[in-house]
Amino acid sequence: MLVKQLREMEHDGIITRTVYAVVPAKAEYSLTQSGEKLIPVLKILGIWSIIYLGSDVVGEGLSEPVEVDPAKLRQLLEDLDGILKDVDKKLKRKGNPG
C-alpha cells in the first residue's frame, strides 16, 4: 500500500525517487518543488486537527475547540498568507499575459 501511494505521488510530480544499486535495495524519496508547496497546506490541516480534534478520537468533539499555542496559530496564518499571495500572483499572470 505504501509503495502504491509513493508511486502515485511520484507520478503526480509531488516527490522524486532515487534508487541505489545496493543490496538490500535502497530508495530515497524527496519533495519536488511542487511537493514543497504542499507543506503549508499540510500545516494548515495539522493545526485544524489540533484545534478541532485534540487528542479525541477522530470525528468526536469536533464542535469543541481546544487551546492552541499562539505561536503555532501565527505560523499557520503566515503560511496561509503565503499561499494566498502565490495564488494571487498566478491569477494576475493568467489575466495579464506578458
PDB file of N, CA and C in Angstrom:
ATOM      1  N   MET A   1       0.822  -1.186   0.000  1.00  0.00           N
ATOM      2  CA  MET A   1       0.000   0.000   0.000  1.00  0.00           C
ATOM      3  C   MET A   1       0.875   1.262   0.000  1.00  0.00           C
ATOM      4  N   LEU A   2       1.902   1.279   0.835  1.00  0.00           N
ATOM      5  CA  LEU A   2       2.790   2.441   0.886  1.00  0.00           C
ATOM      6  C   LEU A   2       3.467   2.661  -0.463  1.00  0.00           C
ATOM      7  N   VAL A   3       3.950   1.582  -1.067  1.00  0.00           N
ATOM      8  CA  VAL A   3       4.630   1.697  -2.357  1.00  0.00           C
ATOM      9  C   VAL A   3       3.681   2.273  -3.399  1.00  0.00           C
ATOM     10  N   LYS A   4       2.426   1.839  -3.385  1.00  0.00           N
ATOM     11  CA  LYS A   4       1.441   2.353  -4.331  1.00  0.00           C
ATOM     12  C   LYS A   4       1.254   3.858  -4.151  1.00  0.00           C
ATOM     13  N   GLN A   5       1.137   4.309  -2.909  1.00  0.00           N
ATOM     14  CA  GLN A   5       0.965   5.738  -2.637  1.00  0.00           C
ATOM     15  C   GLN A   5       2.193   6.529  -3.078  1.00  0.00           C
ATOM     16  N   LEU A   6       3.380   6.007  -2.794  1.00  0.00           N
ATOM     17  CA  LEU A   6       4.611   6.689  -3.204  1.00  0.00           C
ATOM     18  C   LEU A   6       4.696   6.790  -4.721  1.00  0.00           C
ATOM     19  N   ARG A   7       4.342   5.727  -5.415  1.00  0.00           N
ATOM     20  CA  ARG A   7       4.383   5.745  -6.885  1.00  0.00           C
ATOM     21  C   ARG A   7       3.388   6.757  -7.441  1.00  0.00           C
ATOM     22  N   GLU A   8       2.202   6.849  -6.822  1.00  0.00           N
ATOM     23  CA  GLU A   8       1.209   7.826  -7.272  1.00  0.00           C
ATOM     24  C   GLU A   8       1.717   9.253  -7.060  1.00  0.00           C
ATOM     25  N   MET A   9       2.337   9.510  -5.905  1.00  0.00           N
ATOM     26  CA  MET A   9       2.876  10.854  -5.649  1.00  0.00           C
ATOM     27  C   MET A   9       4.021  11.171  -6.606  1.00  0.00           C
ATOM     28  N   GLU A  10       4.818  10.151  -6.937  1.00  0.00           N
ATOM     29  CA  GLU A  10       5.894  10.350  -7.904  1.00  0.00           C
ATOM     30  C   GLU A  10       5.299  10.661  -9.284  1.00  0.00           C
ATOM     31  N   HIS A  11       4.301   9.914  -9.676  1.00  0.00           N
ATOM     32  CA  HIS A  11       3.632  10.140 -10.970  1.00  0.00           C
ATOM     33  C   HIS A  11       3.011  11.532 -11.029  1.00  0.00           C
ATOM     34  N   ASP A  12       2.487  12.017  -9.909  1.00  0.00           N
ATOM     35  CA  ASP A  12       1.846  13.332  -9.851  1.00  0.00           C
ATOM     36  C   ASP A  12       2.847  14.478  -9.702  1.00  0.00           C
ATOM     37  N   GLY A  13       4.125  14.161  -9.593  1.00  0.00           N
ATOM     38  CA  GLY A  13       5.145  15.201  -9.515  1.00  0.00           C
ATOM     39  C   GLY A  13       5.314  15.803  -8.134  1.00  0.00           C
ATOM     40  N   ILE A  14       4.864  15.102  -7.094  1.00  0.00           N
ATOM     41  CA  ILE A  14       4.986  15.611  -5.725  1.00  0.00           C
ATOM     42  C   ILE A  14       6.323  15.208  -5.109  1.00  0.00           C
ATOM     43  N   ILE A  15       6.790  14.005  -5.455  1.00  0.00           N
ATOM     44  CA  ILE A  15       8.066  13.517  -4.936  1.00  0.00           C
ATOM     45  C   ILE A  15       8.915  12.960  -6.074  1.00  0.00           C
ATOM     46  N   THR A  16      10.211  12.837  -5.798  1.00  0.00           N
ATOM     47  CA  THR A  16      11.110  12.140  -6.716  1.00  0.00           C
ATOM     48  C   THR A  16      11.694  10.950  -5.967  1.00  0.00           C
ATOM     49  N   ARG A  17      12.033   9.923  -6.717  1.00  0.00           N
ATOM     50  CA  ARG A  17      12.594   8.706  -6.121  1.00  0.00           C
ATOM     51  C   ARG A  17      13.980   8.488  -6.685  1.00  0.00           C
ATOM     52  N   THR A  18      14.934   8.255  -5.798  1.00  0.00           N
ATOM     53  CA  THR A  18      16.296   7.929  -6.196  1.00  0.00           C
ATOM     54  C   THR A  18      16.567   6.498  -5.740  1.00  0.00           C
ATOM     55  N   VAL A  19      16.899   5.620  -6.696  1.00  0.00           N
ATOM     56  CA  VAL A  19      17.159   4.212  -6.395  1.00  0.00           C
ATOM     57  C   VAL A  19      18.670   3.986  -6.415  1.00  0.00           C
ATOM     58  N   TYR A  20      19.157   3.297  -5.401  1.00  0.00           N
ATOM     59  CA  TYR A  20      20.581   2.989  -5.304  1.00  0.00           C
ATOM     60  C   TYR A  20      20.808   1.517  -5.612  1.00  0.00           C
ATOM     61  N   ALA A  21      21.853   1.224  -6.360  1.00  0.00           N
ATOM     62  CA  ALA A  21      22.178  -0.152  -6.745  1.00  0.00           C
ATOM     63  C   ALA A  21      22.968  -0.825  -5.629  1.00  0.00           C
ATOM     64  N   VAL A  22      22.294  -1.132  -4.546  1.00  0.00           N
ATOM     65  CA  VAL A  22      22.924  -1.789  -3.405  1.00  0.00           C
ATOM     66  C   VAL A  22      22.021  -2.926  -2.935  1.00  0.00           C
ATOM     67  N   VAL A  23      22.619  -3.825  -2.161  1.00  0.00           N
ATOM     68  CA  VAL A  23      21.855  -4.914  -1.554  1.00  0.00           C
ATOM     69  C   VAL A  23      21.973  -4.750  -0.056  1.00  0.00           C
ATOM     70  N   PRO A  24      20.874  -4.704   0.673  1.00  0.00           N
ATOM     71  CA  PRO A  24      19.500  -4.757   0.193  1.00  0.00           C
ATOM     72  C   PRO A  24      19.134  -3.476  -0.562  1.00  0.00           C
ATOM     73  N   ALA A  25      18.053  -3.574  -1.331  1.00  0.00           N
ATOM     74  CA  ALA A  25      17.609  -2.447  -2.163  1.00  0.00           C
ATOM     75  C   ALA A  25      17.382  -1.206  -1.312  1.00  0.00           C
ATOM     76  N   LYS A  26      17.726  -0.059  -1.890  1.00  0.00           N
ATOM     77  CA  LYS A  26      17.565   1.201  -1.175  1.00  0.00           C
ATOM     78  C   LYS A  26      17.011   2.248  -2.129  1.00  0.00           C
ATOM     79  N   ALA A  27      16.004   2.973  -1.652  1.00  0.00           N
ATOM     80  CA  ALA A  27      15.437   4.083  -2.425  1.00  0.00           C
ATOM     81  C   ALA A  27      15.209   5.238  -1.466  1.00  0.00           C
ATOM     82  N   GLU A  28      15.465   6.450  -1.941  1.00  0.00           N
ATOM     83  CA  GLU A  28      15.204   7.650  -1.158  1.00  0.00           C
ATOM     84  C   GLU A  28      14.179   8.493  -1.896  1.00  0.00           C
ATOM     85  N   TYR A  29      13.319   9.113  -1.122  1.00  0.00           N
ATOM     86  CA  TYR A  29      12.284   9.965  -1.689  1.00  0.00           C
ATOM     87  C   TYR A  29      12.496  11.389  -1.192  1.00  0.00           C
ATOM     88  N   SER A  30      12.251  12.358  -2.087  1.00  0.00           N
ATOM     89  CA  SER A  30      12.344  13.758  -1.676  1.00  0.00           C
ATOM     90  C   SER A  30      11.235  14.543  -2.373  1.00  0.00           C
ATOM     91  N   LEU A  31      10.887  15.663  -1.772  1.00  0.00           N
ATOM     92  CA  LEU A  31       9.845  16.501  -2.329  1.00  0.00           C
ATOM     93  C   LEU A  31      10.353  17.260  -3.546  1.00  0.00           C
ATOM     94  N   THR A  32       9.497  17.389  -4.541  1.00  0.00           N
ATOM     95  CA  THR A  32       9.800  18.242  -5.680  1.00  0.00           C
ATOM     96  C   THR A  32       9.428  19.671  -5.283  1.00  0.00           C
ATOM     97  N   GLN A  33       9.641  20.603  -6.172  1.00  0.00           N
ATOM     98  CA  GLN A  33       9.250  21.991  -5.910  1.00  0.00           C
ATOM     99  C   GLN A  33       7.733  22.071  -5.691  1.00  0.00           C
ATOM    100  N   SER A  34       6.985  21.325  -6.490  1.00  0.00           N
ATOM    101  CA  SER A  34       5.524  21.292  -6.311  1.00  0.00           C
ATOM    102  C   SER A  34       5.156  20.663  -4.973  1.00  0.00           C
ATOM    103  N   GLY A  35       5.870  19.612  -4.591  1.00  0.00           N
ATOM    104  CA  GLY A  35       5.610  18.959  -3.314  1.00  0.00           C
ATOM    105  C   GLY A  35       5.881  19.873  -2.135  1.00  0.00           C
ATOM    106  N   GLU A  36       6.924  20.697  -2.254  1.00  0.00           N
ATOM    107  CA  GLU A  36       7.244  21.633  -1.174  1.00  0.00           C
ATOM    108  C   GLU A  36       6.144  22.668  -0.988  1.00  0.00           C
ATOM    109  N   LYS A  37       5.432  22.976  -2.069  1.00  0.00           N
ATOM    110  CA  LYS A  37       4.334  23.940  -1.959  1.00  0.00           C
ATOM    111  C   LYS A  37       3.160  23.367  -1.176  1.00  0.00           C
ATOM    112  N   LEU A  38       3.142  22.067  -0.984  1.00  0.00           N
ATOM    113  CA  LEU A  38       2.077  21.442  -0.192  1.00  0.00           C
ATOM    114  C   LEU A  38       2.339  21.556   1.312  1.00  0.00           C
ATOM    115  N   ILE A  39       3.556  21.863   1.710  1.00  0.00           N
ATOM    116  CA  ILE A  39       3.893  21.918   3.135  1.00  0.00           C
ATOM    117  C   ILE A  39       2.987  22.869   3.906  1.00  0.00           C
ATOM    118  N   PRO A  40       2.781  24.108   3.450  1.00  0.00           N
ATOM    119  CA  PRO A  40       1.881  24.990   4.209  1.00  0.00           C
ATOM    120  C   PRO A  40       0.452  24.448   4.309  1.00  0.00           C
ATOM    121  N   VAL A  41      -0.015  23.811   3.235  1.00  0.00           N
ATOM    122  CA  VAL A  41      -1.369  23.240   3.254  1.00  0.00           C
ATOM    123  C   VAL A  41      -1.441  22.137   4.306  1.00  0.00           C
ATOM    124  N   LEU A  42      -0.427  21.298   4.363  1.00  0.00           N
ATOM    125  CA  LEU A  42      -0.403  20.225   5.357  1.00  0.00           C
ATOM    126  C   LEU A  42      -0.304  20.789   6.772  1.00  0.00           C
ATOM    127  N   LYS A  43       0.428  21.885   6.923  1.00  0.00           N
ATOM    128  CA  LYS A  43       0.492  22.536   8.234  1.00  0.00           C
ATOM    129  C   LYS A  43      -0.888  23.036   8.649  1.00  0.00           C
ATOM    130  N   ILE A  44      -1.607  23.613   7.695  1.00  0.00           N
ATOM    131  CA  ILE A  44      -2.955  24.110   7.980  1.00  0.00           C
ATOM    132  C   ILE A  44      -3.846  22.958   8.435  1.00  0.00           C
ATOM    133  N   LEU A  45      -3.787  21.842   7.726  1.00  0.00           N
ATOM    134  CA  LEU A  45      -4.574  20.675   8.131  1.00  0.00           C
ATOM    135  C   LEU A  45      -4.148  20.175   9.512  1.00  0.00           C
ATOM    136  N   GLY A  46      -2.857  20.228   9.779  1.00  0.00           N
ATOM    137  CA  GLY A  46      -2.356  19.812  11.086  1.00  0.00           C
ATOM    138  C   GLY A  46      -2.883  20.684  12.211  1.00  0.00           C
ATOM    139  N   ILE A  47      -2.847  21.997  11.999  1.00  0.00           N
ATOM    140  CA  ILE A  47      -3.366  22.917  13.015  1.00  0.00           C
ATOM    141  C   ILE A  47      -4.864  22.723  13.185  1.00  0.00           C
ATOM    142  N   TRP A  48      -5.569  22.543  12.069  1.00  0.00           N
ATOM    143  CA  TRP A  48      -7.009  22.294  12.159  1.00  0.00           C
ATOM    144  C   TRP A  48      -7.268  21.069  13.034  1.00  0.00           C
ATOM    145  N   SER A  49      -6.483  20.028  12.830  1.00  0.00           N
ATOM    146  CA  SER A  49      -6.698  18.813  13.619  1.00  0.00           C
ATOM    147  C   SER A  49      -6.405  19.040  15.097  1.00  0.00           C
ATOM    148  N   ILE A  50      -5.401  19.865  15.397  1.00  0.00           N
ATOM    149  CA  ILE A  50      -5.100  20.174  16.795  1.00  0.00           C
ATOM    150  C   ILE A  50      -6.244  20.966  17.413  1.00  0.00           C
ATOM    151  N   ILE A  51      -6.759  21.936  16.652  1.00  0.00           N
ATOM    152  CA  ILE A  51      -7.839  22.780  17.172  1.00  0.00           C
ATOM    153  C   ILE A  51      -9.105  21.972  17.390  1.00  0.00           C
ATOM    154  N   TYR A  52      -9.498  21.189  16.402  1.00  0.00           N
ATOM    155  CA  TYR A  52     -10.798  20.548  16.444  1.00  0.00           C
ATOM    156  C   TYR A  52     -10.802  19.102  16.924  1.00  0.00           C
ATOM    157  N   LEU A  53      -9.675  18.437  16.867  1.00  0.00           N
ATOM    158  CA  LEU A  53      -9.655  17.048  17.294  1.00  0.00           C
ATOM    159  C   LEU A  53      -8.926  16.854  18.616  1.00  0.00           C
ATOM    160  N   GLY A  54      -7.917  17.662  18.859  1.00  0.00           N
ATOM    161  CA  GLY A  54      -7.145  17.479  20.086  1.00  0.00           C
ATOM    162  C   GLY A  54      -6.666  16.047  20.171  1.00  0.00           C
ATOM    163  N   SER A  55      -6.873  15.446  21.320  1.00  0.00           N
ATOM    164  CA  SER A  55      -6.474  14.054  21.487  1.00  0.00           C
ATOM    165  C   SER A  55      -7.677  13.123  21.405  1.00  0.00           C
ATOM    166  N   ASP A  56      -8.844  13.687  21.042  1.00  0.00           N
ATOM    167  CA  ASP A  56     -10.056  12.876  20.930  1.00  0.00           C
ATOM    168  C   ASP A  56      -9.985  11.940  19.742  1.00  0.00           C
ATOM    169  N   VAL A  57     -10.874  10.983  19.737  1.00  0.00           N
ATOM    170  CA  VAL A  57     -10.997  10.087  18.599  1.00  0.00           C
ATOM    171  C   VAL A  57     -11.507  10.913  17.414  1.00  0.00           C
ATOM    172  N   VAL A  58     -10.989  10.614  16.224  1.00  0.00           N
ATOM    173  CA  VAL A  58     -11.402  11.353  15.030  1.00  0.00           C
ATOM    174  C   VAL A  58     -12.916  11.299  14.899  1.00  0.00           C
ATOM    175  N   GLY A  59     -13.513  12.469  14.668  1.00  0.00           N
ATOM    176  CA  GLY A  59     -14.950  12.541  14.479  1.00  0.00           C
ATOM    177  C   GLY A  59     -15.717  12.874  15.745  1.00  0.00           C
ATOM    178  N   GLU A  60     -15.072  12.789  16.894  1.00  0.00           N
ATOM    179  CA  GLU A  60     -15.741  13.134  18.147  1.00  0.00           C
ATOM    180  C   GLU A  60     -15.229  14.478  18.641  1.00  0.00           C
ATOM    181  N   GLY A  61     -16.085  15.264  19.228  1.00  0.00           N
ATOM    182  CA  GLY A  61     -15.689  16.531  19.821  1.00  0.00           C
ATOM    183  C   GLY A  61     -15.316  17.605  18.827  1.00  0.00           C
ATOM    184  N   LEU A  62     -15.815  17.511  17.602  1.00  0.00           N
ATOM    185  CA  LEU A  62     -15.435  18.485  16.576  1.00  0.00           C
ATOM    186  C   LEU A  62     -15.963  19.880  16.860  1.00  0.00           C
ATOM    187  N   SER A  63     -16.995  19.984  17.683  1.00  0.00           N
ATOM    188  CA  SER A  63     -17.562  21.304  17.947  1.00  0.00           C
ATOM    189  C   SER A  63     -16.956  21.956  19.179  1.00  0.00           C
ATOM    190  N   GLU A  64     -15.970  21.320  19.785  1.00  0.00           N
ATOM    191  CA  GLU A  64     -15.362  21.851  20.998  1.00  0.00           C
ATOM    192  C   GLU A  64     -13.880  22.111  20.778  1.00  0.00           C
ATOM    193  N   PRO A  65     -13.533  23.312  20.293  1.00  0.00           N
ATOM    194  CA  PRO A  65     -12.107  23.608  20.059  1.00  0.00           C
ATOM    195  C   PRO A  65     -11.292  23.532  21.357  1.00  0.00           C
ATOM    196  N   VAL A  66     -10.033  23.161  21.209  1.00  0.00           N
ATOM    197  CA  VAL A  66      -9.115  23.105  22.334  1.00  0.00           C
ATOM    198  C   VAL A  66      -8.193  24.316  22.275  1.00  0.00           C
ATOM    199  N   GLU A  67      -7.431  24.552  23.352  1.00  0.00           N
ATOM    200  CA  GLU A  67      -6.490  25.677  23.350  1.00  0.00           C
ATOM    201  C   GLU A  67      -5.368  25.401  22.360  1.00  0.00           C
ATOM    202  N   VAL A  68      -4.970  26.448  21.673  1.00  0.00           N
ATOM    203  CA  VAL A  68      -3.929  26.326  20.657  1.00  0.00           C
ATOM    204  C   VAL A  68      -2.776  27.251  21.012  1.00  0.00           C
ATOM    205  N   ASP A  69      -1.577  26.783  20.781  1.00  0.00           N
ATOM    206  CA  ASP A  69      -0.382  27.587  21.002  1.00  0.00           C
ATOM    207  C   ASP A  69      -0.425  28.792  20.060  1.00  0.00           C
ATOM    208  N   PRO A  70      -0.411  30.023  20.599  1.00  0.00           N
ATOM    209  CA  PRO A  70      -0.485  31.216  19.739  1.00  0.00           C
ATOM    210  C   PRO A  70       0.620  31.269  18.684  1.00  0.00           C
ATOM    211  N   ALA A  71       1.808  30.779  19.014  1.00  0.00           N
ATOM    212  CA  ALA A  71       2.907  30.800  18.036  1.00  0.00           C
ATOM    213  C   ALA A  71       2.584  29.884  16.855  1.00  0.00           C
ATOM    214  N   LYS A  72       1.992  28.723  17.130  1.00  0.00           N
ATOM    215  CA  LYS A  72       1.620  27.810  16.049  1.00  0.00           C
ATOM    216  C   LYS A  72       0.522  28.418  15.187  1.00  0.00           C
ATOM    217  N   LEU A  73      -0.423  29.062  15.823  1.00  0.00           N
ATOM    218  CA  LEU A  73      -1.506  29.693  15.081  1.00  0.00           C
ATOM    219  C   LEU A  73      -0.977  30.837  14.218  1.00  0.00           C
ATOM    220  N   ARG A  74      -0.050  31.621  14.751  1.00  0.00           N
ATOM    221  CA  ARG A  74       0.562  32.724  13.997  1.00  0.00           C
ATOM    222  C   ARG A  74       1.306  32.169  12.777  1.00  0.00           C
ATOM    223  N   GLN A  75       2.038  31.060  12.964  1.00  0.00           N
ATOM    224  CA  GLN A  75       2.760  30.441  11.849  1.00  0.00           C
ATOM    225  C   GLN A  75       1.780  29.939  10.795  1.00  0.00           C
ATOM    226  N   LEU A  76       0.683  29.363  11.245  1.00  0.00           N
ATOM    227  CA  LEU A  76      -0.357  28.899  10.330  1.00  0.00           C
ATOM    228  C   LEU A  76      -0.879  30.049   9.478  1.00  0.00           C
ATOM    229  N   LEU A  77      -1.159  31.179  10.116  1.00  0.00           N
ATOM    230  CA  LEU A  77      -1.683  32.335   9.393  1.00  0.00           C
ATOM    231  C   LEU A  77      -0.655  32.894   8.413  1.00  0.00           C
ATOM    232  N   GLU A  78       0.623  32.879   8.783  1.00  0.00           N
ATOM    233  CA  GLU A  78       1.677  33.335   7.867  1.00  0.00           C
ATOM    234  C   GLU A  78       1.770  32.411   6.661  1.00  0.00           C
ATOM    235  N   ASP A  79       1.685  31.103   6.917  1.00  0.00           N
ATOM    236  CA  ASP A  79       1.730  30.140   5.815  1.00  0.00           C
ATOM    237  C   ASP A  79       0.541  30.334   4.881  1.00  0.00           C
ATOM    238  N   LEU A  80      -0.626  30.527   5.458  1.00  0.00           N
ATOM    239  CA  LEU A  80      -1.829  30.739   4.664  1.00  0.00           C
ATOM    240  C   LEU A  80      -1.706  32.016   3.837  1.00  0.00           C
ATOM    241  N   ASP A  81      -1.151  33.062   4.422  1.00  0.00           N
ATOM    242  CA  ASP A  81      -0.948  34.315   3.701  1.00  0.00           C
ATOM    243  C   ASP A  81      -0.012  34.097   2.507  1.00  0.00           C
ATOM    244  N   GLY A  82       1.033  33.300   2.707  1.00  0.00           N
ATOM    245  CA  GLY A  82       1.955  32.995   1.610  1.00  0.00           C
ATOM    246  C   GLY A  82       1.270  32.250   0.481  1.00  0.00           C
ATOM    247  N   ILE A  83       0.394  31.317   0.837  1.00  0.00           N
ATOM    248  CA  ILE A  83      -0.350  30.575  -0.182  1.00  0.00           C
ATOM    249  C   ILE A  83      -1.234  31.532  -0.971  1.00  0.00           C
ATOM    250  N   LEU A  84      -1.941  32.396  -0.266  1.00  0.00           N
ATOM    251  CA  LEU A  84      -2.843  33.339  -0.937  1.00  0.00           C
ATOM    252  C   LEU A  84      -2.085  34.288  -1.858  1.00  0.00           C
ATOM    253  N   LYS A  85      -0.909  34.751  -1.435  1.00  0.00           N
ATOM    254  CA  LYS A  85      -0.103  35.633  -2.283  1.00  0.00           C
ATOM    255  C   LYS A  85       0.361  34.906  -3.542  1.00  0.00           C
ATOM    256  N   ASP A  86       0.754  33.632  -3.380  1.00  0.00           N
ATOM    257  CA  ASP A  86       1.202  32.842  -4.519  1.00  0.00           C
ATOM    258  C   ASP A  86       0.061  32.652  -5.516  1.00  0.00           C
ATOM    259  N   VAL A  87      -1.127  32.341  -5.019  1.00  0.00           N
ATOM    260  CA  VAL A  87      -2.296  32.168  -5.888  1.00  0.00           C
ATOM    261  C   VAL A  87      -2.621  33.479  -6.590  1.00  0.00           C
ATOM    262  N   ASP A  88      -2.560  34.586  -5.853  1.00  0.00           N
ATOM    263  CA  ASP A  88      -2.860  35.894  -6.432  1.00  0.00           C
ATOM    264  C   ASP A  88      -1.896  36.213  -7.582  1.00  0.00           C
ATOM    265  N   LYS A  89      -0.605  35.932  -7.393  1.00  0.00           N
ATOM    266  CA  LYS A  89       0.388  36.173  -8.452  1.00  0.00           C
ATOM    267  C   LYS A  89       0.056  35.361  -9.695  1.00  0.00           C
ATOM    268  N   LYS A  90      -0.293  34.088  -9.487  1.00  0.00           N
ATOM    269  CA  LYS A  90      -0.590  33.226 -10.627  1.00  0.00           C
ATOM    270  C   LYS A  90      -1.841  33.696 -11.359  1.00  0.00           C
ATOM    271  N   LEU A  91      -2.837  34.136 -10.614  1.00  0.00           N
ATOM    272  CA  LEU A  91      -4.060  34.624 -11.244  1.00  0.00           C
ATOM    273  C   LEU A  91      -3.793  35.896 -12.041  1.00  0.00           C
ATOM    274  N   LYS A  92      -2.947  36.774 -11.515  1.00  0.00           N
ATOM    275  CA  LYS A  92      -2.612  38.007 -12.228  1.00  0.00           C
ATOM    276  C   LYS A  92      -1.846  37.697 -13.504  1.00  0.00           C
ATOM    277  N   ARG A  93      -0.954  36.702 -13.469  1.00  0.00           N
ATOM    278  CA  ARG A  93      -0.196  36.313 -14.649  1.00  0.00           C
ATOM    279  C   ARG A  93      -1.106  35.763 -15.730  1.00  0.00           C
ATOM    280  N   LYS A  94      -2.090  34.966 -15.326  1.00  0.00           N
ATOM    281  CA  LYS A  94      -3.023  34.400 -16.314  1.00  0.00           C
ATOM    282  C   LYS A  94      -3.910  35.482 -16.908  1.00  0.00           C
ATOM    283  N   GLY A  95      -4.287  36.477 -16.090  1.00  0.00           N
ATOM    284  CA  GLY A  95      -5.156  37.549 -16.558  1.00  0.00           C
ATOM    285  C   GLY A  95      -4.444  38.579 -17.413  1.00  0.00           C
ATOM    286  N   ASN A  96      -3.129  38.759 -17.178  1.00  0.00           N
ATOM    287  CA  ASN A  96      -2.334  39.753 -17.902  1.00  0.00           C
ATOM    288  C   ASN A  96      -1.091  39.100 -18.514  1.00  0.00           C
ATOM    289  N   PRO A  97      -1.252  38.350 -19.593  1.00  0.00           N
ATOM    290  CA  PRO A  97      -0.068  37.715 -20.182  1.00  0.00           C
ATOM    291  C   PRO A  97       0.913  38.768 -20.705  1.00  0.00           C
ATOM    292  N   GLY A  98       2.200  38.462 -20.460  1.00  0.00           N
ATOM    293  CA  GLY A  98       3.237  39.351 -20.995  1.00  0.00           C
ATOM    294  C   GLY A  98       3.588  40.363 -20.081  1.00  0.00           C
TER     295      GLY A  98
END
